[in-house]
Protein backbone atom coordinates (compact mmCIF):
# COMPACT_ATOMS: atom_id res chain seq x y z
CA UNK A 1 34.31 -24.39 0.53
CA UNK A 2 31.42 -24.62 2.96
CA UNK A 3 28.47 -27.03 2.25
CA UNK A 4 25.11 -26.22 3.78
CA UNK A 5 23.16 -29.05 1.96
CA UNK A 6 23.43 -32.12 -0.18
CA UNK A 7 22.98 -30.48 -3.61
CA UNK A 8 26.06 -29.38 -5.60
CA UNK A 9 24.73 -25.88 -5.60
CA UNK A 10 24.34 -25.73 -1.78
CA UNK A 11 27.82 -24.39 -1.21
CA UNK A 12 29.60 -21.17 -0.33
CA UNK A 13 33.10 -19.80 -0.14
CA UNK A 14 34.26 -17.85 2.95
CA UNK A 15 37.12 -15.34 2.53
CA UNK A 16 38.52 -14.24 5.90
CA UNK A 17 40.70 -11.24 6.57
CA UNK A 18 44.14 -11.70 8.05
CA UNK A 19 44.46 -11.96 11.80
CA UNK A 20 42.66 -13.79 14.54
CA UNK A 21 40.00 -11.41 15.92
CA UNK A 22 36.23 -11.43 15.33
CA UNK A 23 35.26 -9.95 12.06
CA UNK A 24 32.04 -8.55 10.44
CA UNK A 25 30.54 -10.42 7.50
CA UNK A 26 29.18 -9.52 4.08
CA UNK A 27 27.12 -12.21 2.36
CA UNK A 28 27.67 -11.70 -1.37
CA UNK A 29 24.82 -12.91 -3.55
CA UNK A 30 25.27 -13.10 -7.33
CA UNK A 31 22.62 -12.29 -9.89
CA UNK A 32 21.69 -13.63 -13.27
CA UNK A 33 17.89 -13.49 -13.09
CA UNK A 34 17.94 -16.51 -10.82
CA UNK A 35 19.13 -18.62 -13.75
CA UNK A 36 21.48 -21.63 -13.45
CA UNK A 37 23.74 -20.31 -16.30
CA UNK A 38 25.13 -17.79 -13.86
CA UNK A 39 27.04 -18.76 -10.72
CA UNK A 40 28.93 -17.57 -7.71
CA UNK A 41 32.04 -16.78 -9.83
CA UNK A 42 30.34 -13.37 -10.24
CA UNK A 43 30.40 -12.86 -6.44
CA UNK A 44 33.86 -14.33 -5.65
CA UNK A 45 35.92 -11.24 -6.73
CA UNK A 46 33.76 -8.99 -4.50
CA UNK A 47 34.03 -11.37 -1.53
CA UNK A 48 37.81 -11.40 -1.95
CA UNK A 49 37.91 -7.59 -2.09
CA UNK A 50 35.89 -7.27 1.04
CA UNK A 51 38.24 -9.60 2.89
CA UNK A 52 41.07 -7.28 1.97
CA UNK A 53 39.15 -4.48 3.72
CA UNK A 54 38.84 -6.47 6.93
CA UNK A 55 35.36 -7.89 6.23
CA UNK A 56 34.71 -11.58 5.85
CA UNK A 57 33.35 -12.06 2.33
CA UNK A 58 30.88 -14.92 2.00
CA UNK A 59 30.03 -15.75 -1.65
CA UNK A 60 27.06 -18.10 -1.70
CA UNK A 61 25.70 -20.40 -4.34
CA UNK A 62 22.13 -21.56 -4.43
CA UNK A 63 19.82 -23.61 -6.58
CA UNK A 64 18.46 -21.62 -9.58
CA UNK A 65 16.06 -21.90 -12.43
CA UNK A 66 17.28 -24.94 -14.42
CA UNK A 67 18.92 -26.85 -11.56
CA UNK A 68 16.19 -27.28 -8.99
CA UNK A 69 15.72 -23.68 -7.93
CA UNK A 70 12.78 -21.32 -7.92
CA UNK A 71 10.08 -21.15 -5.35
CA UNK A 72 10.65 -22.24 -2.62
CA UNK A 73 14.09 -23.86 -3.12
CA UNK A 74 16.07 -20.69 -3.84
CA UNK A 75 14.74 -19.00 -0.77
CA UNK A 76 15.36 -21.97 1.44
CA UNK A 77 18.95 -22.20 0.13
CA UNK A 78 19.74 -18.53 0.66
CA UNK A 79 18.37 -18.69 4.21
CA UNK A 80 20.27 -21.96 5.01
CA UNK A 81 23.55 -20.54 3.56
CA UNK A 82 23.27 -17.50 5.76
CA UNK A 83 22.34 -19.42 8.84
CA UNK A 84 25.39 -21.62 8.28
CA UNK A 85 27.48 -18.66 9.38
CA UNK A 86 26.49 -19.48 12.96
CA UNK A 87 29.05 -22.36 12.81
CA UNK A 88 32.06 -20.08 12.09
CA UNK A 89 33.82 -19.09 15.27
CA UNK A 90 35.65 -16.04 13.82
CA UNK A 91 32.61 -14.22 12.69
CA UNK A 92 30.82 -11.42 14.59
CA UNK A 93 27.30 -12.43 14.03
CA UNK A 94 26.01 -9.09 15.28
CA UNK A 95 27.51 -7.51 12.20
CA UNK A 96 26.28 -9.42 9.15
CA UNK A 97 24.93 -7.70 6.05
CA UNK A 98 24.09 -8.98 2.57
CA UNK A 99 25.13 -7.41 -0.66
CA UNK A 100 23.59 -8.66 -3.86
CA UNK A 101 23.51 -7.73 -7.53
CA UNK A 102 20.41 -7.80 -9.74
CA UNK A 103 18.49 -10.97 -8.78
CA UNK A 104 21.03 -11.26 -5.95
CA UNK A 105 19.92 -7.81 -4.75
CA UNK A 106 16.39 -9.10 -4.55
CA UNK A 107 17.61 -12.04 -2.47
CA UNK A 108 19.81 -9.84 -0.25
CA UNK A 109 16.93 -7.53 0.70
CA UNK A 110 14.58 -10.38 1.07
CA UNK A 111 16.97 -12.08 3.37
CA UNK A 112 17.31 -8.90 5.47
CA UNK A 113 13.59 -9.03 6.20
CA UNK A 114 13.43 -12.75 7.20
CA UNK A 115 12.61 -11.99 10.82
CA UNK A 116 9.26 -10.57 9.70
CA UNK A 117 8.25 -13.62 7.70
CA UNK A 118 5.25 -15.54 8.95
CA UNK A 119 5.81 -18.91 10.67
CA UNK A 120 6.19 -21.66 8.12
CA UNK A 121 7.20 -19.39 5.21
CA UNK A 122 10.42 -20.25 3.40
CA UNK A 123 13.32 -18.57 5.28
CA UNK A 124 11.35 -17.78 8.41
CA UNK A 125 12.91 -17.94 11.93
CA UNK A 126 16.55 -17.07 11.03
CA UNK A 127 19.43 -18.21 13.08
CA UNK A 128 21.49 -15.33 11.79
CA UNK A 129 19.75 -11.95 11.55
CA UNK A 130 21.10 -9.46 9.11
CA UNK A 131 21.93 -5.99 10.17
CA UNK A 132 21.27 -4.54 6.68
CA UNK A 133 21.42 -5.15 2.96
CA UNK A 134 23.02 -3.48 -0.06
CA UNK A 135 21.03 -3.85 -3.30
CA UNK A 136 23.13 -3.41 -6.42
CA UNK A 137 20.51 -2.77 -9.14
CA UNK A 138 18.16 -5.21 -7.41
CA UNK A 139 14.89 -6.49 -8.67
CA UNK A 140 12.96 -5.43 -5.51
CA UNK A 141 9.32 -5.19 -6.70
CA UNK A 142 8.43 -8.59 -8.26
CA UNK A 143 4.90 -7.61 -9.10
CA UNK A 144 6.07 -4.53 -11.03
CA UNK A 145 8.92 -6.55 -12.55
CA UNK A 146 6.32 -9.05 -13.82
CA UNK A 147 4.13 -6.30 -15.20
CA UNK A 148 7.08 -4.62 -16.96
CA UNK A 149 8.61 -7.99 -18.11
CA UNK A 150 11.92 -7.26 -16.44
CA UNK A 151 14.18 -10.07 -17.54
CA UNK A 152 11.51 -11.31 -19.97
CA UNK A 153 9.62 -14.18 -18.26
CA UNK A 154 12.31 -14.50 -15.49
CA UNK A 155 9.92 -13.55 -12.63
CA UNK A 156 7.08 -15.97 -13.35
CA UNK A 157 9.62 -18.68 -14.17
CA UNK A 158 11.29 -18.03 -10.80
CA UNK A 159 8.16 -18.02 -8.74
CA UNK A 160 6.25 -20.57 -10.80
CA UNK A 161 3.15 -18.44 -11.02
CA UNK A 162 1.81 -14.99 -11.77
CA UNK A 163 0.54 -12.36 -9.37
CA UNK A 164 -3.05 -12.86 -10.56
CA UNK A 165 -2.94 -16.59 -9.74
CA UNK A 166 -1.01 -16.44 -6.45
CA UNK A 167 -0.56 -12.97 -5.06
CA UNK A 168 0.31 -14.41 -1.62
CA UNK A 169 3.47 -16.01 -3.00
CA UNK A 170 4.58 -12.67 -4.44
CA UNK A 171 3.82 -11.03 -1.07
CA UNK A 172 6.15 -13.48 0.65
CA UNK A 173 8.87 -13.24 -2.02
CA UNK A 174 9.00 -9.58 -2.96
CA UNK A 175 10.79 -7.12 -0.64
CA UNK A 176 8.58 -4.29 -1.84
CA UNK A 177 5.51 -6.25 -0.63
CA UNK A 178 7.11 -6.96 2.76
CA UNK A 179 7.63 -3.36 3.79
CA UNK A 180 8.46 -2.18 6.40
CA UNK A 181 11.46 -4.53 6.81
CA UNK A 182 12.72 -2.55 9.82
CA UNK A 183 16.26 -3.17 8.64
CA UNK A 184 18.47 -0.55 6.95
CA UNK A 185 18.78 -0.91 3.15
CA UNK A 186 21.22 0.80 0.78
CA UNK A 187 20.36 0.95 -2.87
CA UNK A 188 23.00 1.51 -5.60
CA UNK A 189 21.79 1.77 -9.22
CA UNK A 190 23.24 3.10 -12.50
CA UNK A 191 21.18 5.56 -14.48
CA UNK A 192 22.13 3.69 -17.73
CA UNK A 193 21.19 0.22 -16.48
CA UNK A 194 19.67 -1.64 -19.47
CA UNK A 195 18.89 -4.86 -17.58
CA UNK A 196 17.06 -3.74 -14.38
CA UNK A 197 15.28 -0.34 -14.66
CA UNK A 198 16.33 2.19 -12.06
CA UNK A 199 12.62 2.62 -11.40
CA UNK A 200 12.92 -0.66 -9.41
CA UNK A 201 15.22 1.11 -6.80
CA UNK A 202 13.32 4.40 -6.89
CA UNK A 203 9.98 2.70 -6.24
CA UNK A 204 11.48 0.73 -3.37
CA UNK A 205 13.14 3.84 -1.92
CA UNK A 206 9.92 5.79 -2.00
CA UNK A 207 7.81 2.99 -0.49
CA UNK A 208 10.35 2.12 2.20
CA UNK A 209 10.74 5.73 3.28
CA UNK A 210 6.94 6.12 3.44
CA UNK A 211 6.79 3.09 5.75
CA UNK A 212 9.48 4.51 8.06
CA UNK A 213 12.40 2.22 7.01
CA UNK A 214 16.01 3.45 6.84
CA UNK A 215 16.74 3.51 3.14
CA UNK A 216 19.30 5.35 0.95
CA UNK A 217 19.44 5.35 -2.82
CA UNK A 218 22.69 6.30 -4.66
CA UNK A 219 22.17 6.86 -8.32
CA UNK A 220 25.33 6.54 -10.35
CA UNK A 221 25.31 8.71 -13.46
CA UNK A 222 26.35 7.15 -16.76
CA UNK A 223 26.73 3.69 -15.16
CA UNK A 224 25.18 0.52 -16.48
CA UNK A 225 24.37 -2.81 -14.94
CA UNK A 226 27.68 -4.68 -14.72
CA UNK A 227 30.05 -2.04 -13.42
CA UNK A 228 28.60 -2.68 -10.00
CA UNK A 229 30.28 -6.05 -9.82
CA UNK A 230 33.59 -5.02 -11.31
CA UNK A 231 36.06 -4.88 -8.33
CA UNK A 232 38.19 -2.32 -10.09
CA UNK A 233 35.29 0.00 -10.90
CA UNK A 234 34.23 3.06 -8.88
CA UNK A 235 30.69 1.75 -8.95
CA UNK A 236 31.76 -1.30 -6.87
CA UNK A 237 33.67 1.01 -4.53
CA UNK A 238 30.41 2.81 -3.86
CA UNK A 239 28.73 -0.53 -3.04
CA UNK A 240 31.61 -1.45 -0.81
CA UNK A 241 31.36 1.90 1.04
CA UNK A 242 27.74 1.37 1.64
CA UNK A 243 28.43 -2.16 2.92
CA UNK A 244 30.93 -0.82 5.40
CA UNK A 245 28.59 1.91 6.42
CA UNK A 246 25.91 -0.55 7.31
CA UNK A 247 28.40 -2.52 9.42
CA UNK A 248 29.41 0.43 11.53
CA UNK A 249 28.39 0.33 15.24
């Protein structure tokens, strides 16, 4: 276990492939609508599977709603966890992507755009720059998610405010508002997702493409929300394939 801070949630598990050579990295970020009742045990099986494919799987934990998370702590934690990779000698830091599910998809795509954040914003000035991100049914447009009550009141609870009261915070936190990210993003979403509407990925795809970003949406017919994090499911295999594609030279 790797610690990147003093809180019990500021930890991560790194699963390395066999051998001694430099390896690419996938930062695996779990979901759960940013709530403390969900943890990195959701990400660990995916990180282990990636390691078997020759990719270092890095399952991170972070402070969440209910244990000190929210704005800005969750963003600071995700950034610090990723930057901690700079201390690992076996990792090829030119080949690091993030793959995240649901709320973790939001954090993965947000993290991919850290280089474009203004000075002083949470997560700005990254030590480790991501080469891409894979969003597994991610919550990518926080203003729309607030309007549509995706996850109930999860979005305002996470950011501590509403778009009407503090639009600037939403603009810093929401990948949709930060376009263009100038980083490749792969979106994978099931057409039967009952937790995060597929419109979240479609809206992001359309807006990112219009801004000139490299973006690809794979819609999985008859697939729901949780198949994407089942290491034995074809839905996860699609996510893994997209992860490996973004790591290619």
